[in-house]
């Protein structure tokens, strides 16, 4: 295990030069150094960090490095990682807590592989994951921007249960439209992206405390097709402490996503209107009537004729009747 402390951030992101292009092209020739950089962000969870590192090291594809980015934990994470006797493991520590997006970016900045794979510290990989995904890249042409795989959703606390999500909601091919619609997704821990692609589109937007992965997916999908492997090579931890359960935060970040990617939605005005209407409904459910009114106004500016826009407009205009209806139906 080696210790790395991040230096100053690069002067700019998102510029793809000739060296970056050659990294992916040369991968088929098996260059010196790692082919895949596995980035594991972690904060205050040394036991989970150790488990995640081992699941990466146990891959059948061994041309990899594992970069554990410690987001300024106040525990023994550094000692736990140092005890892992494998030269492929590197430890990087933030001097202050900067959040998930920044931790992933620090991993990218320190990555040496042609491909970058993300692994959240509470998730696990099955042994063949990287072998299959790198094989997919090597069999494809250079236009492929992302390969992801299926996953099994596992509840880690009572009542314990597992499930495999509907694969119809997975992204493959030209995915920009369905991604803009919010009807499909790619789990970060199931994703591998060429480092050259990340350098071209830019890393994670550190202004997002949630939906930072969707933001990156949109930027990649605007330029490249995706590939999907249906096998569930990832065990995804469904925990009650997930940021996804912070509904006010998720709603704010989804609004930020709509505002940021207005240009991408320009070719799909009906979809944009419906996403604003859905956001207005989320604000309404949270009891934020002012934000609900502002969001439905944005939807009506784009396309007031959409059925979903009309439906949510009525609910926002008469919130008392909407709540009464919910109570009568036993939904509140």
Protein backbone atom coordinates (compact mmCIF):
# COMPACT_ATOMS: atom_id res chain seq x y z
CA UNK A 1 0.00 0.00 0.00
CA UNK A 2 1.34 3.41 -0.92
CA UNK A 3 0.34 6.76 0.56
CA UNK A 4 -0.47 9.62 -1.81
CA UNK A 5 -1.64 13.06 -0.77
CA UNK A 6 -3.30 15.09 -3.50
CA UNK A 7 -1.47 18.12 -4.80
CA UNK A 8 -3.03 21.13 -6.50
CA UNK A 9 -5.89 20.37 -8.89
CA UNK A 10 -5.06 20.49 -12.62
CA UNK A 11 -5.46 23.90 -14.21
CA UNK A 12 -8.32 22.71 -16.38
CA UNK A 13 -10.55 19.70 -16.94
CA UNK A 14 -12.26 18.30 -19.97
CA UNK A 15 -9.55 18.73 -22.64
CA UNK A 16 -8.69 15.56 -24.49
CA UNK A 17 -5.20 15.53 -25.99
CA UNK A 18 -3.33 13.05 -28.15
CA UNK A 19 -1.80 11.29 -25.12
CA UNK A 20 -5.22 10.66 -23.64
CA UNK A 21 -6.51 9.24 -26.90
CA UNK A 22 -3.53 6.89 -27.13
CA UNK A 23 -4.15 5.48 -23.63
CA UNK A 24 -7.30 3.67 -24.71
CA UNK A 25 -5.93 2.71 -28.11
CA UNK A 26 -2.75 1.28 -26.53
CA UNK A 27 -4.69 -0.77 -23.98
CA UNK A 28 -5.03 -3.58 -26.52
CA UNK A 29 -1.23 -3.74 -26.50
CA UNK A 30 -1.17 -4.24 -22.71
CA UNK A 31 0.95 -1.20 -21.65
CA UNK A 32 3.05 -1.13 -18.49
CA UNK A 33 1.15 -0.09 -15.40
CA UNK A 34 -2.50 -0.70 -14.50
CA UNK A 35 -5.20 -1.00 -17.14
CA UNK A 36 -8.02 -0.13 -14.71
CA UNK A 37 -7.96 2.36 -11.85
CA UNK A 38 -10.54 1.41 -9.21
CA UNK A 39 -11.64 4.47 -7.23
CA UNK A 40 -13.21 3.91 -3.79
CA UNK A 41 -14.30 7.05 -1.91
CA UNK A 42 -14.80 6.55 1.82
CA UNK A 43 -15.67 8.53 4.91
CA UNK A 44 -15.75 7.20 8.47
CA UNK A 45 -16.30 3.57 7.41
CA UNK A 46 -12.97 1.73 7.71
CA UNK A 47 -14.54 -1.72 7.90
CA UNK A 48 -16.55 -1.19 4.74
CA UNK A 49 -13.53 0.36 3.01
CA UNK A 50 -11.45 -2.75 3.75
CA UNK A 51 -14.20 -5.02 2.44
CA UNK A 52 -14.59 -2.98 -0.77
CA UNK A 53 -10.82 -2.97 -1.40
CA UNK A 54 -10.67 -6.75 -1.06
CA UNK A 55 -13.57 -7.21 -3.47
CA UNK A 56 -11.58 -5.19 -6.03
CA UNK A 57 -8.35 -7.10 -5.38
CA UNK A 58 -10.14 -10.43 -5.79
CA UNK A 59 -11.01 -9.65 -9.41
CA UNK A 60 -10.01 -12.23 -12.02
CA UNK A 61 -8.67 -9.25 -14.00
CA UNK A 62 -5.55 -8.23 -12.11
CA UNK A 63 -4.17 -5.39 -14.24
CA UNK A 64 -5.54 -2.83 -11.82
CA UNK A 65 -4.78 -0.36 -9.10
CA UNK A 66 -7.09 0.45 -6.19
CA UNK A 67 -7.21 4.08 -5.02
CA UNK A 68 -8.93 4.57 -1.67
CA UNK A 69 -9.83 8.25 -1.27
CA UNK A 70 -10.35 9.07 2.39
CA UNK A 71 -12.57 12.16 2.63
CA UNK A 72 -10.95 13.38 5.88
CA UNK A 73 -12.20 10.61 8.16
CA UNK A 74 -11.54 11.04 11.87
CA UNK A 75 -11.02 7.34 12.50
CA UNK A 76 -8.46 4.63 11.71
CA UNK A 77 -9.18 4.33 7.98
CA UNK A 78 -5.54 5.02 7.07
CA UNK A 79 -4.30 2.26 9.39
CA UNK A 80 -6.87 -0.20 8.06
CA UNK A 81 -5.81 0.46 4.48
CA UNK A 82 -2.11 0.36 5.39
CA UNK A 83 -2.58 -3.16 6.79
CA UNK A 84 -3.58 -4.45 3.33
CA UNK A 85 -0.33 -5.89 1.98
CA UNK A 86 -0.77 -5.35 -1.74
CA UNK A 87 1.29 -2.90 -3.85
CA UNK A 88 -1.73 -2.22 -6.07
CA UNK A 89 -3.49 -0.36 -3.22
CA UNK A 90 -2.94 3.39 -2.90
CA UNK A 91 -4.26 5.67 -0.15
CA UNK A 92 -5.16 9.31 -0.77
CA UNK A 93 -6.48 11.58 1.98
CA UNK A 94 -8.32 14.89 1.87
CA UNK A 95 -7.30 17.44 4.49
CA UNK A 96 -10.97 18.37 4.92
CA UNK A 97 -14.28 16.74 4.12
CA UNK A 98 -15.21 17.71 0.54
CA UNK A 99 -17.98 15.29 -0.41
CA UNK A 100 -18.45 12.34 -2.75
CA UNK A 101 -17.98 14.15 -6.07
CA UNK A 102 -14.69 15.71 -4.92
CA UNK A 103 -13.44 12.36 -3.59
CA UNK A 104 -14.12 10.69 -6.93
CA UNK A 105 -12.38 13.55 -8.75
CA UNK A 106 -9.32 13.16 -6.52
CA UNK A 107 -9.26 9.49 -7.47
CA UNK A 108 -9.47 10.40 -11.16
CA UNK A 109 -6.65 12.93 -10.77
CA UNK A 110 -4.44 10.21 -9.27
CA UNK A 111 -5.49 7.43 -11.67
CA UNK A 112 -2.94 5.84 -13.99
CA UNK A 113 -5.16 3.31 -15.77
CA UNK A 114 -6.68 3.58 -19.23
CA UNK A 115 -10.08 2.91 -17.66
CA UNK A 116 -11.67 4.16 -14.46
CA UNK A 117 -14.03 2.02 -12.39
CA UNK A 118 -15.99 3.42 -9.45
CA UNK A 119 -16.82 1.40 -6.34
CA UNK A 120 -18.72 2.87 -3.39
CA UNK A 121 -17.31 1.61 -0.11
CA UNK A 122 -20.54 -0.13 0.94
CA UNK A 123 -20.89 -2.03 -2.35
CA UNK A 124 -19.14 -5.23 -3.48
CA UNK A 125 -18.03 -6.70 -6.81
CA UNK A 126 -18.20 -10.30 -7.92
CA UNK A 127 -14.84 -11.58 -9.22
CA UNK A 128 -15.47 -11.49 -12.98
CA UNK A 129 -16.83 -7.92 -13.20
CA UNK A 130 -13.79 -6.08 -14.54
CA UNK A 131 -12.70 -8.95 -16.78
CA UNK A 132 -16.05 -8.88 -18.59
CA UNK A 133 -16.21 -5.09 -18.82
CA UNK A 134 -12.66 -4.63 -20.11
CA UNK A 135 -13.34 -7.43 -22.58
CA UNK A 136 -16.36 -5.51 -23.81
CA UNK A 137 -14.25 -2.40 -24.41
CA UNK A 138 -11.55 -4.40 -26.21
CA UNK A 139 -14.13 -6.00 -28.49
CA UNK A 140 -15.77 -2.67 -29.37
CA UNK A 141 -14.61 0.26 -31.45
CA UNK A 142 -13.16 3.40 -29.92
CA UNK A 143 -16.51 5.21 -29.84
CA UNK A 144 -17.79 3.31 -26.78
CA UNK A 145 -17.95 5.70 -23.84
CA UNK A 146 -19.12 3.54 -20.93
CA UNK A 147 -19.74 -0.10 -19.99
CA UNK A 148 -21.92 -0.97 -17.03
CA UNK A 149 -23.41 -4.18 -15.70
CA UNK A 150 -26.36 -5.51 -13.76
CA UNK A 151 -26.49 -5.49 -9.99
CA UNK A 152 -28.23 -7.14 -7.09
CA UNK A 153 -29.85 -4.84 -4.55
CA UNK A 154 -29.11 -6.03 -1.01
CA UNK A 155 -30.62 -4.71 2.19
CA UNK A 156 -27.88 -4.96 4.79
CA UNK A 157 -30.08 -4.51 7.86
CA UNK A 158 -33.22 -6.34 9.07
CA UNK A 159 -35.40 -7.26 7.33
CA UNK A 160 -32.67 -8.65 5.06
CA UNK A 161 -33.62 -9.11 1.44
CA UNK A 162 -32.16 -9.08 -2.07
CA UNK A 163 -33.61 -8.21 -5.46
CA UNK A 164 -32.45 -7.71 -9.04
CA UNK A 165 -33.86 -4.53 -10.62
CA UNK A 166 -35.73 -4.65 -13.91
CA UNK A 167 -33.14 -4.69 -16.68
CA UNK A 168 -35.51 -2.84 -18.99
CA UNK A 169 -34.45 0.27 -17.07
CA UNK A 170 -30.77 -0.21 -17.95
CA UNK A 171 -28.92 1.96 -20.44
CA UNK A 172 -27.44 0.65 -23.68
CA UNK A 173 -26.69 2.16 -27.09
CA UNK A 174 -27.63 5.76 -27.76
CA UNK A 175 -29.03 6.50 -24.32
CA UNK A 176 -29.31 10.29 -24.13
CA UNK A 177 -33.08 10.47 -24.66
CA UNK A 178 -34.03 7.87 -22.03
CA UNK A 179 -31.50 9.33 -19.62
CA UNK A 180 -33.04 12.80 -20.04
CA UNK A 181 -36.45 11.24 -19.40
CA UNK A 182 -35.20 9.77 -16.14
CA UNK A 183 -36.41 6.32 -17.19
CA UNK A 184 -33.06 4.54 -17.04
CA UNK A 185 -29.84 4.62 -15.08
CA UNK A 186 -26.35 3.20 -14.63
CA UNK A 187 -25.22 2.45 -11.09
CA UNK A 188 -21.86 4.13 -10.32
CA UNK A 189 -20.40 0.95 -8.78
CA UNK A 190 -21.35 -0.93 -11.96
CA UNK A 191 -19.66 1.55 -14.29
CA UNK A 192 -16.34 1.60 -16.14
CA UNK A 193 -15.39 4.63 -18.25
CA UNK A 194 -12.24 5.27 -20.32
CA UNK A 195 -10.15 7.89 -18.56
CA UNK A 196 -9.80 9.72 -21.88
CA UNK A 197 -13.59 10.11 -22.02
CA UNK A 198 -13.71 11.56 -18.51
CA UNK A 199 -10.95 14.00 -19.38
CA UNK A 200 -12.92 15.07 -22.44
CA UNK A 201 -16.30 15.64 -20.78
CA UNK A 202 -14.96 16.70 -17.37
CA UNK A 203 -15.12 14.95 -14.02
CA UNK A 204 -17.83 15.05 -11.37
CA UNK A 205 -19.44 18.43 -10.70
CA UNK A 206 -18.59 19.19 -7.08
CA UNK A 207 -21.56 21.54 -6.74
CA UNK A 208 -23.82 18.47 -6.64
CA UNK A 209 -24.36 16.74 -3.28
CA UNK A 210 -26.56 14.19 -5.06
CA UNK A 211 -27.20 13.30 -8.74
CA UNK A 212 -23.52 13.98 -9.51
CA UNK A 213 -23.42 10.58 -11.22
CA UNK A 214 -26.44 11.40 -13.42
CA UNK A 215 -24.80 14.69 -14.37
CA UNK A 216 -21.69 12.84 -15.57
CA UNK A 217 -23.77 10.21 -17.38
CA UNK A 218 -25.58 12.93 -19.31
CA UNK A 219 -22.33 14.51 -20.44
CA UNK A 220 -20.91 11.15 -21.55
CA UNK A 221 -24.17 10.12 -23.26
CA UNK A 222 -24.22 13.35 -25.24
CA UNK A 223 -21.06 12.15 -27.03
CA UNK A 224 -20.82 8.35 -26.77
CA UNK A 225 -22.95 5.17 -26.77
CA UNK A 226 -23.10 2.90 -23.70
CA UNK A 227 -22.85 -0.88 -23.42
CA UNK A 228 -24.63 -2.99 -20.82
CA UNK A 229 -23.75 -6.45 -19.49
CA UNK A 230 -26.84 -8.02 -17.87
CA UNK A 231 -25.03 -10.22 -15.34
CA UNK A 232 -25.38 -8.84 -11.78
CA UNK A 233 -21.69 -8.45 -10.98
CA UNK A 234 -22.34 -5.82 -8.27
CA UNK A 235 -23.88 -6.22 -4.82
CA UNK A 236 -25.45 -2.83 -4.20
CA UNK A 237 -26.05 -1.92 -0.56
CA UNK A 238 -29.55 -0.58 0.09
CA UNK A 239 -29.07 1.17 3.43
CA UNK A 240 -31.42 3.41 5.43
CA UNK A 241 -28.62 6.01 5.64
CA UNK A 242 -28.36 6.46 1.88
CA UNK A 243 -28.31 10.05 0.60
CA UNK A 244 -31.09 8.96 -1.75
CA UNK A 245 -33.41 8.91 1.28
CA UNK A 246 -32.79 12.62 1.91
CA UNK A 247 -35.74 13.68 -0.23
CA UNK A 248 -35.36 17.48 0.12
CA UNK A 249 -31.71 17.23 -0.94
CA UNK A 250 -32.50 14.91 -3.85
CA UNK A 251 -35.27 17.26 -5.04
CA UNK A 252 -32.96 20.29 -4.93
CA UNK A 253 -30.25 18.46 -6.84
CA UNK A 254 -32.71 17.25 -9.49
CA UNK A 255 -33.78 20.84 -10.04
CA UNK A 256 -30.12 21.83 -10.35
CA UNK A 257 -29.70 19.07 -12.93
CA UNK A 258 -32.59 20.39 -15.03
CA UNK A 259 -31.20 23.91 -14.90
CA UNK A 260 -27.68 22.84 -15.82
CA UNK A 261 -28.67 20.69 -18.80
CA UNK A 262 -31.25 22.99 -20.34
CA UNK A 263 -29.34 22.92 -23.64
CA UNK A 264 -29.48 19.11 -23.82
CA UNK A 265 -33.23 19.23 -23.27
CA UNK A 266 -33.72 21.81 -26.05
CA UNK A 267 -34.37 19.06 -28.60
CA UNK A 268 -36.92 17.42 -26.27
CA UNK A 269 -39.21 20.21 -25.00
CA UNK A 270 -42.01 17.84 -24.04
CA UNK A 271 -39.64 15.78 -21.90
CA UNK A 272 -38.26 18.95 -20.30
CA UNK A 273 -41.76 20.15 -19.42
CA UNK A 274 -42.65 16.79 -17.88
CA UNK A 275 -39.46 16.73 -15.80
CA UNK A 276 -40.28 20.18 -14.41
CA UNK A 277 -43.82 19.01 -13.66
CA UNK A 278 -42.47 15.95 -11.84
CA UNK A 279 -40.19 18.23 -9.85
CA UNK A 280 -43.13 20.48 -8.96
CA UNK A 281 -44.99 17.45 -7.64
CA UNK A 282 -41.96 16.43 -5.52
CA UNK A 283 -41.85 19.93 -4.00
CA UNK A 284 -45.60 19.69 -3.32
CA UNK A 285 -45.20 16.36 -1.53
CA UNK A 286 -42.49 17.91 0.63
CA UNK A 287 -44.81 20.79 1.55
CA UNK A 288 -42.79 23.44 -0.31
CA UNK A 289 -45.63 25.16 -2.15
CA UNK A 290 -43.54 28.14 -3.29
CA UNK A 291 -40.99 25.89 -5.00
CA UNK A 292 -43.79 23.77 -6.47
CA UNK A 293 -45.37 26.87 -8.03
CA UNK A 294 -42.02 28.03 -9.43
CA UNK A 295 -41.33 24.59 -10.94
CA UNK A 296 -44.76 24.23 -12.56
CA UNK A 297 -44.37 27.73 -14.00
CA UNK A 298 -41.17 26.52 -15.69
CA UNK A 299 -43.05 23.51 -17.06
CA UNK A 300 -45.83 25.68 -18.47
CA UNK A 301 -43.32 27.99 -20.15
CA UNK A 302 -41.94 25.04 -22.08
CA UNK A 303 -45.16 23.17 -22.98
CA UNK A 304 -48.43 23.86 -21.15
CA UNK A 305 -50.31 21.27 -23.22
CA UNK A 306 -48.63 18.15 -21.79
CA UNK A 307 -51.10 16.04 -19.78
CA UNK A 308 -48.66 15.70 -16.86
CA UNK A 309 -48.15 19.46 -16.77
CA UNK A 310 -51.91 20.04 -16.64
CA UNK A 311 -52.41 17.42 -13.95
CA UNK A 312 -49.71 18.79 -11.65
CA UNK A 313 -50.86 22.37 -12.35
CA UNK A 314 -54.26 21.52 -10.87
CA UNK A 315 -52.68 19.97 -7.79
CA UNK A 316 -50.42 22.97 -7.23
CA UNK A 317 -53.33 25.39 -7.76
CA UNK A 318 -55.52 23.56 -5.22
CA UNK A 319 -53.16 21.88 -2.74
CA UNK A 320 -55.83 21.58 -0.06
CA UNK A 321 -58.11 19.54 -2.33
CA UNK A 322 -55.15 17.41 -3.41
CA UNK A 323 -54.26 16.60 0.20
CA UNK A 324 -57.90 15.87 1.04
CA UNK A 325 -58.08 13.48 -1.89
CA UNK A 326 -54.95 11.70 -0.70
CA UNK A 327 -56.39 11.27 2.79
CA UNK A 328 -59.64 9.91 1.43
CA UNK A 329 -57.70 7.40 -0.63
CA UNK A 330 -55.65 6.44 2.42
CA UNK A 331 -52.37 7.74 0.97
CA UNK A 332 -51.52 10.20 3.76
